[in-house]
C-alpha cells in the first residue's frame, strides 16, 4: 500500500492497492499485488506519457513491467 502511494501520489482508496496480495480474477486464490490491480498512473507512467524515458525502478508495485516508450531513433 505504501509503495503504491509513493509511486502514484494517491491514497489507497484512489490507487486500489490495499495490501500485499489481491484475489485472482477468477476468485479461486490470491496472488502478490501487481501493476494490474493499480487504478492510478505511477510516476513512471506519467513520465513516459510525457516523452521522458524512465529507467527501471524495481519497486514492489512495478511488477509486471509495463509497456514504455522506446528510445527515439538516431537522427
N, C-alpha and C. Protein backbone atom coordinates (compact mmCIF):
# COMPACT_ATOMS: atom_id res chain seq x y z
N UNK A 1 0.82 -1.18 0.00
CA UNK A 1 0.00 0.00 0.00
C UNK A 1 0.88 1.26 0.00
N UNK A 2 1.86 1.29 0.87
CA UNK A 2 2.72 2.47 0.98
C UNK A 2 3.50 2.72 -0.30
N UNK A 3 4.11 1.67 -0.86
CA UNK A 3 4.92 1.86 -2.07
C UNK A 3 4.05 2.33 -3.23
N UNK A 4 2.85 1.84 -3.32
CA UNK A 4 1.96 2.28 -4.39
C UNK A 4 1.54 3.73 -4.16
N UNK A 5 1.35 4.12 -2.91
CA UNK A 5 1.02 5.52 -2.62
C UNK A 5 2.18 6.43 -3.00
N UNK A 6 3.41 5.99 -2.73
CA UNK A 6 4.60 6.78 -3.11
C UNK A 6 4.69 6.88 -4.63
N UNK A 7 4.46 5.76 -5.32
CA UNK A 7 4.60 5.72 -6.78
C UNK A 7 3.51 6.51 -7.50
N UNK A 8 2.33 6.61 -6.91
CA UNK A 8 1.21 7.29 -7.58
C UNK A 8 0.88 8.66 -7.01
N UNK A 9 1.28 8.90 -5.77
CA UNK A 9 0.91 10.15 -5.12
C UNK A 9 -0.55 10.15 -4.67
N UNK A 10 -1.15 8.98 -4.60
CA UNK A 10 -2.56 8.87 -4.22
C UNK A 10 -2.73 7.96 -3.01
N UNK A 11 -3.85 8.12 -2.34
CA UNK A 11 -4.18 7.26 -1.20
C UNK A 11 -4.72 5.92 -1.70
N UNK A 12 -4.70 4.88 -0.85
CA UNK A 12 -5.18 3.56 -1.26
C UNK A 12 -6.59 3.55 -1.84
N UNK A 13 -7.47 4.40 -1.35
CA UNK A 13 -8.83 4.42 -1.89
C UNK A 13 -8.84 4.86 -3.35
N UNK A 14 -7.84 5.61 -3.78
CA UNK A 14 -7.76 6.08 -5.17
C UNK A 14 -6.94 5.14 -6.05
N UNK A 15 -5.81 4.57 -5.52
CA UNK A 15 -4.98 3.71 -6.37
C UNK A 15 -5.39 2.25 -6.35
N UNK A 16 -6.21 1.82 -5.39
CA UNK A 16 -6.79 0.49 -5.41
C UNK A 16 -5.98 -0.62 -4.78
N UNK A 17 -4.80 -0.33 -4.25
CA UNK A 17 -3.98 -1.37 -3.61
C UNK A 17 -4.15 -1.23 -2.10
N UNK A 18 -4.57 -2.33 -1.45
CA UNK A 18 -4.86 -2.27 -0.02
C UNK A 18 -4.05 -3.26 0.81
N UNK A 19 -3.01 -3.81 0.25
CA UNK A 19 -2.18 -4.76 0.99
C UNK A 19 -1.15 -5.38 0.07
N UNK A 20 -0.59 -6.51 0.52
CA UNK A 20 0.45 -7.19 -0.25
C UNK A 20 -0.09 -8.24 -1.21
N UNK A 21 -1.38 -8.53 -1.13
CA UNK A 21 -1.96 -9.54 -2.03
C UNK A 21 -3.30 -9.07 -2.54
N UNK A 22 -3.74 -9.73 -3.63
CA UNK A 22 -5.02 -9.41 -4.25
C UNK A 22 -5.64 -10.71 -4.75
N UNK A 23 -6.95 -10.77 -4.86
CA UNK A 23 -7.57 -12.00 -5.36
C UNK A 23 -7.27 -12.22 -6.84
N UNK A 24 -7.18 -13.47 -7.24
CA UNK A 24 -7.07 -13.79 -8.66
C UNK A 24 -8.36 -13.39 -9.35
N UNK A 25 -8.31 -13.09 -10.65
CA UNK A 25 -9.52 -12.67 -11.35
C UNK A 25 -10.69 -13.66 -11.22
N UNK A 26 -10.38 -14.96 -11.15
CA UNK A 26 -11.46 -15.94 -11.03
C UNK A 26 -11.90 -16.18 -9.58
N UNK A 27 -11.23 -15.51 -8.63
CA UNK A 27 -11.59 -15.61 -7.22
C UNK A 27 -11.17 -16.88 -6.53
N UNK A 28 -10.39 -17.72 -7.19
CA UNK A 28 -10.01 -19.02 -6.63
C UNK A 28 -8.91 -18.95 -5.59
N UNK A 29 -8.12 -17.90 -5.59
CA UNK A 29 -6.98 -17.80 -4.68
C UNK A 29 -6.52 -16.35 -4.62
N UNK A 30 -5.36 -16.11 -4.05
CA UNK A 30 -4.78 -14.77 -4.01
C UNK A 30 -3.38 -14.82 -4.62
N UNK A 31 -2.88 -13.66 -5.00
CA UNK A 31 -1.53 -13.53 -5.55
C UNK A 31 -0.92 -12.26 -4.99
N UNK A 32 0.41 -12.13 -5.08
CA UNK A 32 1.02 -10.85 -4.68
C UNK A 32 0.47 -9.74 -5.58
N UNK A 33 0.44 -8.53 -5.07
CA UNK A 33 -0.07 -7.42 -5.88
C UNK A 33 0.76 -7.25 -7.15
N UNK A 34 0.14 -6.73 -8.16
CA UNK A 34 0.81 -6.46 -9.44
C UNK A 34 0.34 -5.11 -9.96
N UNK A 35 0.94 -4.69 -11.05
CA UNK A 35 0.51 -3.44 -11.68
C UNK A 35 -0.91 -3.55 -12.21
N UNK A 36 -1.39 -4.78 -12.39
CA UNK A 36 -2.73 -4.99 -12.93
C UNK A 36 -3.82 -4.53 -11.97
N UNK A 37 -3.52 -4.51 -10.66
CA UNK A 37 -4.52 -4.09 -9.68
C UNK A 37 -4.51 -2.60 -9.39
N UNK A 38 -3.52 -1.90 -9.89
CA UNK A 38 -3.39 -0.47 -9.63
C UNK A 38 -4.34 0.31 -10.53
N UNK A 39 -5.08 1.25 -9.95
CA UNK A 39 -6.07 2.03 -10.70
C UNK A 39 -5.61 3.45 -11.03
N UNK A 40 -4.39 3.79 -10.64
CA UNK A 40 -3.86 5.13 -10.90
C UNK A 40 -2.50 5.01 -11.58
N UNK A 41 -2.13 6.01 -12.34
CA UNK A 41 -0.83 6.01 -13.01
C UNK A 41 0.29 6.22 -11.99
N UNK A 42 1.37 5.50 -12.18
CA UNK A 42 2.56 5.70 -11.36
C UNK A 42 3.41 6.79 -12.00
N UNK A 43 4.36 7.30 -11.26
CA UNK A 43 5.19 8.40 -11.75
C UNK A 43 5.88 7.99 -13.05
N UNK A 44 6.32 6.73 -13.18
CA UNK A 44 6.99 6.31 -14.41
C UNK A 44 6.03 6.26 -15.58
N UNK A 45 4.74 6.00 -15.35
CA UNK A 45 3.75 6.05 -16.42
C UNK A 45 3.57 7.49 -16.91
N UNK A 46 3.50 8.41 -15.99
CA UNK A 46 3.32 9.82 -16.32
C UNK A 46 4.53 10.37 -17.06
N UNK A 47 5.73 10.02 -16.59
CA UNK A 47 6.95 10.46 -17.28
C UNK A 47 6.99 9.92 -18.70
N UNK A 48 6.70 8.64 -18.86
CA UNK A 48 6.71 8.02 -20.17
C UNK A 48 5.68 8.65 -21.09
N UNK A 49 4.50 8.92 -20.57
CA UNK A 49 3.42 9.54 -21.34
C UNK A 49 3.82 10.91 -21.85
N UNK A 50 4.70 11.60 -21.12
CA UNK A 50 5.12 12.95 -21.49
C UNK A 50 6.48 13.00 -22.17
N UNK A 51 6.91 11.86 -22.71
CA UNK A 51 8.11 11.85 -23.53
C UNK A 51 9.40 11.50 -22.84
N UNK A 52 9.41 11.40 -21.52
CA UNK A 52 10.63 11.03 -20.81
C UNK A 52 10.81 9.52 -20.87
N UNK A 53 12.03 9.07 -20.68
CA UNK A 53 12.31 7.64 -20.67
C UNK A 53 12.72 7.23 -19.27
N UNK A 54 11.77 6.85 -18.42
CA UNK A 54 12.12 6.45 -17.07
C UNK A 54 12.97 5.18 -17.09
N UNK A 55 13.91 5.12 -16.18
CA UNK A 55 14.79 3.97 -16.06
C UNK A 55 14.13 2.99 -15.11
N UNK A 56 14.57 1.73 -15.11
CA UNK A 56 13.99 0.72 -14.23
C UNK A 56 13.89 1.19 -12.80
N UNK A 57 12.93 0.66 -12.06
CA UNK A 57 12.70 1.15 -10.72
C UNK A 57 12.74 0.05 -9.67
N UNK A 58 12.20 -1.12 -9.94
CA UNK A 58 12.27 -2.24 -9.01
C UNK A 58 11.41 -2.12 -7.76
N UNK A 59 10.46 -1.20 -7.72
CA UNK A 59 9.56 -1.11 -6.58
C UNK A 59 8.53 -2.22 -6.64
N UNK A 60 8.03 -2.64 -5.50
CA UNK A 60 7.03 -3.70 -5.44
C UNK A 60 5.87 -3.46 -6.41
N UNK A 61 5.29 -2.27 -6.47
CA UNK A 61 4.14 -2.09 -7.37
C UNK A 61 4.50 -1.92 -8.84
N UNK A 62 5.72 -2.30 -9.24
CA UNK A 62 6.11 -2.14 -10.64
C UNK A 62 6.19 -3.47 -11.38
N UNK A 63 5.65 -4.54 -10.82
CA UNK A 63 5.68 -5.84 -11.47
C UNK A 63 4.27 -6.23 -11.89
N UNK A 64 4.04 -6.78 -13.03
CA UNK A 64 5.00 -6.98 -14.12
C UNK A 64 5.31 -5.65 -14.82
N UNK A 65 6.44 -5.59 -15.50
CA UNK A 65 6.81 -4.35 -16.18
C UNK A 65 5.73 -3.90 -17.16
N UNK A 66 5.52 -2.62 -17.19
CA UNK A 66 4.50 -2.05 -18.09
C UNK A 66 5.17 -1.58 -19.37
N UNK A 67 4.41 -1.51 -20.46
CA UNK A 67 4.99 -1.01 -21.71
C UNK A 67 5.53 0.40 -21.52
N UNK A 68 6.60 0.71 -22.20
CA UNK A 68 7.14 2.06 -22.13
C UNK A 68 7.64 2.48 -23.49
N UNK A 69 7.83 3.77 -23.64
CA UNK A 69 8.30 4.36 -24.88
C UNK A 69 9.72 3.84 -25.16
N UNK A 70 9.98 3.48 -26.38
CA UNK A 70 11.33 3.05 -26.74
C UNK A 70 12.17 4.27 -27.05
N UNK A 71 13.45 4.08 -27.12
CA UNK A 71 14.33 5.22 -27.36
C UNK A 71 14.07 5.79 -28.75
N UNK A 72 14.18 7.09 -28.88
CA UNK A 72 13.96 7.70 -30.19
C UNK A 72 15.06 7.29 -31.15
N UNK A 73 14.72 7.18 -32.42
CA UNK A 73 15.73 6.79 -33.40
C UNK A 73 16.74 7.90 -33.58
N UNK A 74 17.96 7.51 -33.89
CA UNK A 74 19.03 8.49 -34.09
C UNK A 74 18.76 9.29 -35.35
N UNK A 75 18.93 10.57 -35.27
CA UNK A 75 18.65 11.42 -36.44
C UNK A 75 19.88 11.66 -37.26
